[in-house]
Amino acid sequence: MDLNKAYAAHQRALMAAGMATDPQARRERLADAARIATCIGSFQQDLGAAAAQAWMHTPSAAPAHLEAGLHGAAAR
């Protein structure tokens, strides 16, 4: 796995979620980011990297402001 490409893909998914105006599209991009984070964490864990724990045990791949946007949109 090319970690630089994976990190970039994760960042792009989070940015796309942040720009999404449709709640479903936002959820889909956040799910993409979560899948990528899991792959990164698994790869790092296989290598014995200490950073793997941060990727593997994060409750959500989304920053709090993106999650808040999701819940706010659902309430409307």
C-alpha atoms as a PDB file:
ATOM      1  CA  MET A   1       0.000   0.000   0.000  1.00  0.00           C
ATOM      2  CA  ASP A   2       1.235   3.471  -0.839  1.00  0.00           C
ATOM      3  CA  LEU A   3       0.461   5.310   2.392  1.00  0.00           C
ATOM      4  CA  ASN A   4       0.851   8.736   0.809  1.00  0.00           C
ATOM      5  CA  LYS A   5      -1.837   7.875  -1.740  1.00  0.00           C
ATOM      6  CA  ALA A   6      -4.064   6.429   0.979  1.00  0.00           C
ATOM      7  CA  TYR A   7      -3.639   9.502   3.195  1.00  0.00           C
ATOM      8  CA  ALA A   8      -4.445  11.727   0.206  1.00  0.00           C
ATOM      9  CA  ALA A   9      -7.533   9.680  -0.672  1.00  0.00           C
ATOM     10  CA  HIS A  10      -8.693   9.910   2.951  1.00  0.00           C
ATOM     11  CA  GLN A  11      -8.200  13.673   2.944  1.00  0.00           C
ATOM     12  CA  ARG A  12     -10.052  14.042  -0.371  1.00  0.00           C
ATOM     13  CA  ALA A  13     -12.988  12.019   0.993  1.00  0.00           C
ATOM     14  CA  LEU A  14     -13.166  14.235   4.085  1.00  0.00           C
ATOM     15  CA  MET A  15     -12.978  17.393   1.984  1.00  0.00           C
ATOM     16  CA  ALA A  16     -15.711  16.076  -0.321  1.00  0.00           C
ATOM     17  CA  ALA A  17     -17.865  15.332   2.731  1.00  0.00           C
ATOM     18  CA  GLY A  18     -17.280  18.842   3.983  1.00  0.00           C
ATOM     19  CA  MET A  19     -18.371  20.327   0.660  1.00  0.00           C
ATOM     20  CA  ALA A  20     -21.398  18.074   0.200  1.00  0.00           C
ATOM     21  CA  THR A  21     -24.709  19.875   0.369  1.00  0.00           C
ATOM     22  CA  ASP A  22     -26.767  16.683   0.295  1.00  0.00           C
ATOM     23  CA  PRO A  23     -26.806  14.691   3.571  1.00  0.00           C
ATOM     24  CA  GLN A  24     -26.717  11.351   1.714  1.00  0.00           C
ATOM     25  CA  ALA A  25     -23.672  12.389  -0.313  1.00  0.00           C
ATOM     26  CA  ARG A  26     -21.997  13.553   2.908  1.00  0.00           C
ATOM     27  CA  ARG A  27     -22.687  10.187   4.572  1.00  0.00           C
ATOM     28  CA  GLU A  28     -21.295   8.344   1.542  1.00  0.00           C
ATOM     29  CA  ARG A  29     -18.069  10.379   1.536  1.00  0.00           C
ATOM     30  CA  LEU A  30     -17.675   9.912   5.296  1.00  0.00           C
ATOM     31  CA  ALA A  31     -18.155   6.174   4.803  1.00  0.00           C
ATOM     32  CA  ASP A  32     -15.462   6.274   2.102  1.00  0.00           C
ATOM     33  CA  ALA A  33     -13.129   8.048   4.518  1.00  0.00           C
ATOM     34  CA  ALA A  34     -13.882   5.505   7.246  1.00  0.00           C
ATOM     35  CA  ARG A  35     -13.098   2.590   4.909  1.00  0.00           C
ATOM     36  CA  ILE A  36      -9.820   4.197   3.880  1.00  0.00           C
ATOM     37  CA  ALA A  37      -8.915   4.863   7.528  1.00  0.00           C
ATOM     38  CA  THR A  38      -9.566   1.215   8.361  1.00  0.00           C
ATOM     39  CA  CYS A  39      -7.306   0.095   5.510  1.00  0.00           C
ATOM     40  CA  ILE A  40      -4.570   2.470   6.646  1.00  0.00           C
ATOM     41  CA  GLY A  41      -4.865   1.261  10.224  1.00  0.00           C
ATOM     42  CA  SER A  42      -4.778  -2.404   9.213  1.00  0.00           C
ATOM     43  CA  PHE A  43      -1.722  -1.847   7.042  1.00  0.00           C
ATOM     44  CA  GLN A  44       0.080   0.027   9.796  1.00  0.00           C
ATOM     45  CA  GLN A  45      -0.903  -2.575  12.374  1.00  0.00           C
ATOM     46  CA  ASP A  46       0.517  -5.326  10.168  1.00  0.00           C
ATOM     47  CA  LEU A  47       3.786  -3.387  10.143  1.00  0.00           C
ATOM     48  CA  GLY A  48       3.692  -2.954  13.920  1.00  0.00           C
ATOM     49  CA  ALA A  49       3.442   0.826  13.646  1.00  0.00           C
ATOM     50  CA  ALA A  50       2.296   2.608  16.797  1.00  0.00           C
ATOM     51  CA  ALA A  51       0.260   5.051  14.675  1.00  0.00           C
ATOM     52  CA  ALA A  52      -2.052   2.210  13.660  1.00  0.00           C
ATOM     53  CA  GLN A  53      -3.956   2.542  16.920  1.00  0.00           C
ATOM     54  CA  ALA A  54      -5.037   6.076  16.055  1.00  0.00           C
ATOM     55  CA  TRP A  55      -6.527   4.917  12.753  1.00  0.00           C
ATOM     56  CA  MET A  56      -8.058   1.727  14.105  1.00  0.00           C
ATOM     57  CA  HIS A  57      -9.761   3.074  17.240  1.00  0.00           C
ATOM     58  CA  THR A  58     -11.145   6.349  15.986  1.00  0.00           C
ATOM     59  CA  PRO A  59     -14.935   6.284  16.462  1.00  0.00           C
ATOM     60  CA  SER A  60     -15.451   8.255  13.266  1.00  0.00           C
ATOM     61  CA  ALA A  61     -13.216   9.303  10.438  1.00  0.00           C
ATOM     62  CA  ALA A  62     -15.084  12.600  10.301  1.00  0.00           C
ATOM     63  CA  PRO A  63     -14.061  15.736  12.108  1.00  0.00           C
ATOM     64  CA  ALA A  64     -16.655  16.880  14.625  1.00  0.00           C
ATOM     65  CA  HIS A  65     -17.864  19.771  12.460  1.00  0.00           C
ATOM     66  CA  LEU A  66     -18.739  17.350   9.637  1.00  0.00           C
ATOM     67  CA  GLU A  67     -20.625  15.067  11.990  1.00  0.00           C
ATOM     68  CA  ALA A  68     -22.453  18.077  13.439  1.00  0.00           C
ATOM     69  CA  GLY A  69     -23.452  19.086   9.927  1.00  0.00           C
ATOM     70  CA  LEU A  70     -24.898  15.646   9.361  1.00  0.00           C
ATOM     71  CA  HIS A  71     -27.000  15.742  12.486  1.00  0.00           C
ATOM     72  CA  GLY A  72     -28.103  19.301  11.846  1.00  0.00           C
ATOM     73  CA  ALA A  73     -29.206  18.430   8.324  1.00  0.00           C
ATOM     74  CA  ALA A  74     -31.145  15.423   9.574  1.00  0.00           C
ATOM     75  CA  ALA A  75     -33.005  17.593  12.074  1.00  0.00           C
ATOM     76  CA  ARG A  76     -34.214  19.994   9.409  1.00  0.00           C
END
